Amino acid sequence: MRKQPWFILAVVVAALLSLAFFAGACGGDGEEDGDGDGPEPTAADGGAGGEVDVSMTEFAFDLSADSVAAGTVSFNLTNDGTIQHDFLVIKTDEAPDKLPYDDETFQVKIDDVDLIGRVEEALEAGDSGILEFDLDAGSYVLICNIATHYEGGMHSAFTVE
């Protein structure tokens, strides 16, 4: 049985609308901007950069890559742990475990580092999001700065070449 052209067109339109709905549902709210503690992330500017998948657990980051080319870098964050975690990008030549630390708050002293940006709100267990920055070549440290998490080992070196 031969299908009518309008039927084929209707199927194609329905498929495209479904795809558009799904893409919209998966984006948007996961993109966070800075919270005033550092420069705002920039939009993609066509630089090389790359994507890095980041799995957050107690108390570690599992990165799909520990270096990328300079340019726009997208961090695809997933909290695979059981408690909330946050994510900060700090430009520094310090070792990941040598950032200035406040023994009273059990957090890195954000005012004493070059904070590039961070998630606006900590990610609850099972949540995900995307952070995008235009990063220059250099050394960076990625941390969770919820009290005791950094000290517990939740930090990673990251290089932009």
Protein backbone atom coordinates (compact mmCIF):
# COMPACT_ATOMS: atom_id res chain seq x y z
CA MET A 1 0.00 0.00 0.00
CA ARG A 2 1.46 3.34 -1.05
CA LYS A 3 1.52 6.10 1.58
CA GLN A 4 0.17 9.52 0.69
CA PRO A 5 2.70 12.42 0.55
CA TRP A 6 0.85 14.25 3.36
CA PHE A 7 1.24 11.17 5.60
CA ILE A 8 5.00 11.05 5.04
CA LEU A 9 5.26 14.80 5.67
CA ALA A 10 3.26 14.45 8.91
CA VAL A 11 5.57 11.67 10.14
CA VAL A 12 8.68 13.76 9.35
CA VAL A 13 7.25 16.85 11.09
CA ALA A 14 6.26 14.79 14.15
CA ALA A 15 9.76 13.30 14.33
CA LEU A 16 11.38 16.74 14.10
CA LEU A 17 9.09 18.19 16.77
CA SER A 18 9.88 15.26 19.08
CA LEU A 19 13.60 15.79 18.54
CA ALA A 20 13.30 19.53 19.23
CA PHE A 21 11.32 18.87 22.42
CA PHE A 22 13.84 16.30 23.64
CA ALA A 23 16.80 18.59 22.91
CA GLY A 24 15.13 21.46 24.76
CA ALA A 25 14.31 19.29 27.74
CA CYS A 26 17.92 18.14 28.05
CA GLY A 27 19.55 21.56 27.87
CA GLY A 28 19.13 24.93 29.44
CA ASP A 29 19.00 24.71 33.23
CA GLY A 30 22.20 22.68 33.42
CA GLU A 31 24.24 25.56 32.09
CA GLU A 32 25.39 27.62 35.00
CA ASP A 33 27.16 30.91 35.03
CA GLY A 34 29.47 32.30 37.66
CA ASP A 35 28.15 33.54 40.96
CA GLY A 36 30.14 36.72 41.23
CA ASP A 37 33.23 35.08 42.75
CA GLY A 38 35.05 35.25 39.43
CA PRO A 39 34.71 36.15 35.79
CA GLU A 40 31.58 34.97 34.04
CA PRO A 41 31.98 32.03 31.66
CA THR A 42 32.02 33.10 28.05
CA ALA A 43 29.99 31.72 25.20
CA ALA A 44 31.63 29.61 22.54
CA ASP A 45 33.90 31.68 20.36
CA GLY A 46 35.02 29.04 17.93
CA GLY A 47 38.27 28.17 19.74
CA ALA A 48 39.64 24.63 19.70
CA GLY A 49 38.90 23.69 23.34
CA GLY A 50 36.96 20.50 23.80
CA GLU A 51 34.57 18.60 26.03
CA VAL A 52 35.40 16.96 29.32
CA ASP A 53 33.02 14.58 31.06
CA VAL A 54 33.27 14.91 34.83
CA SER A 55 31.86 12.29 37.18
CA MET A 56 31.68 13.54 40.77
CA THR A 57 31.65 11.00 43.62
CA GLU A 58 32.74 10.87 47.24
CA PHE A 59 35.45 12.27 47.16
CA ALA A 60 36.91 12.40 43.68
CA PHE A 61 36.49 13.66 40.15
CA ASP A 62 36.74 11.17 37.30
CA LEU A 63 37.68 13.18 34.18
CA SER A 64 37.41 11.89 30.62
CA ALA A 65 40.51 14.01 29.84
CA ASP A 66 42.98 15.87 32.01
CA SER A 67 44.05 18.26 29.24
CA VAL A 68 42.51 20.02 26.24
CA ALA A 69 43.53 22.62 23.69
CA ALA A 70 43.03 26.29 24.55
CA GLY A 71 39.61 27.65 23.58
CA THR A 72 36.08 26.88 24.60
CA VAL A 73 35.95 24.02 27.11
CA SER A 74 32.68 22.37 28.09
CA PHE A 75 32.63 20.49 31.38
CA ASN A 76 29.78 17.95 31.30
CA LEU A 77 29.13 17.40 35.00
CA THR A 78 27.34 14.44 36.56
CA ASN A 79 26.99 13.91 40.29
CA ASP A 80 27.31 10.14 40.52
CA GLY A 81 27.73 10.36 44.28
CA THR A 82 25.18 10.17 47.06
CA ILE A 83 25.61 13.71 48.45
CA GLN A 84 25.78 17.15 46.85
CA HIS A 85 28.96 18.41 45.18
CA ASP A 86 29.98 21.64 43.54
CA PHE A 87 32.55 22.36 40.83
CA LEU A 88 35.03 25.22 40.61
CA VAL A 89 37.67 25.95 37.96
CA ILE A 90 40.75 27.72 39.34
CA LYS A 91 43.75 28.88 37.30
CA THR A 92 46.92 28.22 39.27
CA ASP A 93 50.41 26.78 39.13
CA GLU A 94 49.94 25.31 42.62
CA ALA A 95 49.58 21.57 43.14
CA PRO A 96 45.93 20.50 43.43
CA ASP A 97 46.29 19.83 47.17
CA LYS A 98 48.21 23.05 47.95
CA LEU A 99 45.54 25.73 47.46
CA PRO A 100 45.05 28.24 50.31
CA TYR A 101 42.77 26.52 52.82
CA ASP A 102 40.70 27.83 55.72
CA ASP A 103 40.94 25.44 58.68
CA GLU A 104 37.84 27.01 60.26
CA THR A 105 35.44 26.64 57.30
CA PHE A 106 37.18 23.57 55.81
CA GLN A 107 37.14 25.23 52.37
CA VAL A 108 39.58 26.70 49.86
CA LYS A 109 39.92 30.47 50.33
CA ILE A 110 38.22 31.60 47.11
CA ASP A 111 39.35 35.21 47.55
CA ASP A 112 42.98 34.04 47.43
CA VAL A 113 42.81 32.17 44.10
CA ASP A 114 42.16 33.01 40.44
CA LEU A 115 38.61 31.62 40.24
CA ILE A 116 37.54 31.25 36.61
CA GLY A 117 34.02 30.15 37.49
CA ARG A 118 31.82 27.66 39.27
CA VAL A 119 28.40 26.06 39.28
CA GLU A 120 25.83 28.46 40.62
CA GLU A 121 24.36 25.87 42.96
CA ALA A 122 25.78 22.57 44.14
CA LEU A 123 24.56 19.54 42.23
CA GLU A 124 22.42 17.09 44.17
CA ALA A 125 23.03 13.34 43.81
CA GLY A 126 22.00 12.27 40.30
CA ASP A 127 21.97 15.83 38.88
CA SER A 128 23.98 16.94 35.87
CA GLY A 129 24.90 20.20 34.20
CA ILE A 130 27.23 21.85 31.75
CA LEU A 131 29.75 24.61 32.41
CA GLU A 132 31.44 26.29 29.47
CA PHE A 133 34.46 28.56 29.65
CA ASP A 134 36.92 30.12 27.22
CA LEU A 135 40.19 28.93 28.75
CA ASP A 136 43.68 30.15 27.96
CA ALA A 137 46.70 27.84 28.00
CA GLY A 138 47.89 27.14 31.51
CA SER A 139 47.49 25.03 34.62
CA TYR A 140 44.18 24.73 36.41
CA VAL A 141 42.77 22.91 39.41
CA LEU A 142 39.20 21.61 39.52
CA ILE A 143 37.72 21.37 43.01
CA CYS A 144 34.60 20.74 45.03
CA ASN A 145 34.54 23.41 47.74
CA ILE A 146 31.76 22.09 49.94
CA ALA A 147 33.14 21.97 53.48
CA THR A 148 35.62 19.05 53.91
CA HIS A 149 35.31 17.82 50.29
CA TYR A 150 38.51 19.51 49.04
CA GLU A 151 40.45 18.23 52.05
CA GLY A 152 38.90 14.80 51.44
CA GLY A 153 40.62 14.67 48.04
CA MET A 154 38.03 16.16 45.72
CA HIS A 155 40.43 18.04 43.44
CA SER A 156 42.11 17.39 40.09
CA ALA A 157 44.88 18.95 38.06
CA PHE A 158 43.79 20.11 34.61
CA THR A 159 45.93 21.48 31.79
CA VAL A 160 44.98 23.67 28.84
CA GLU A 161 47.58 23.57 26.07
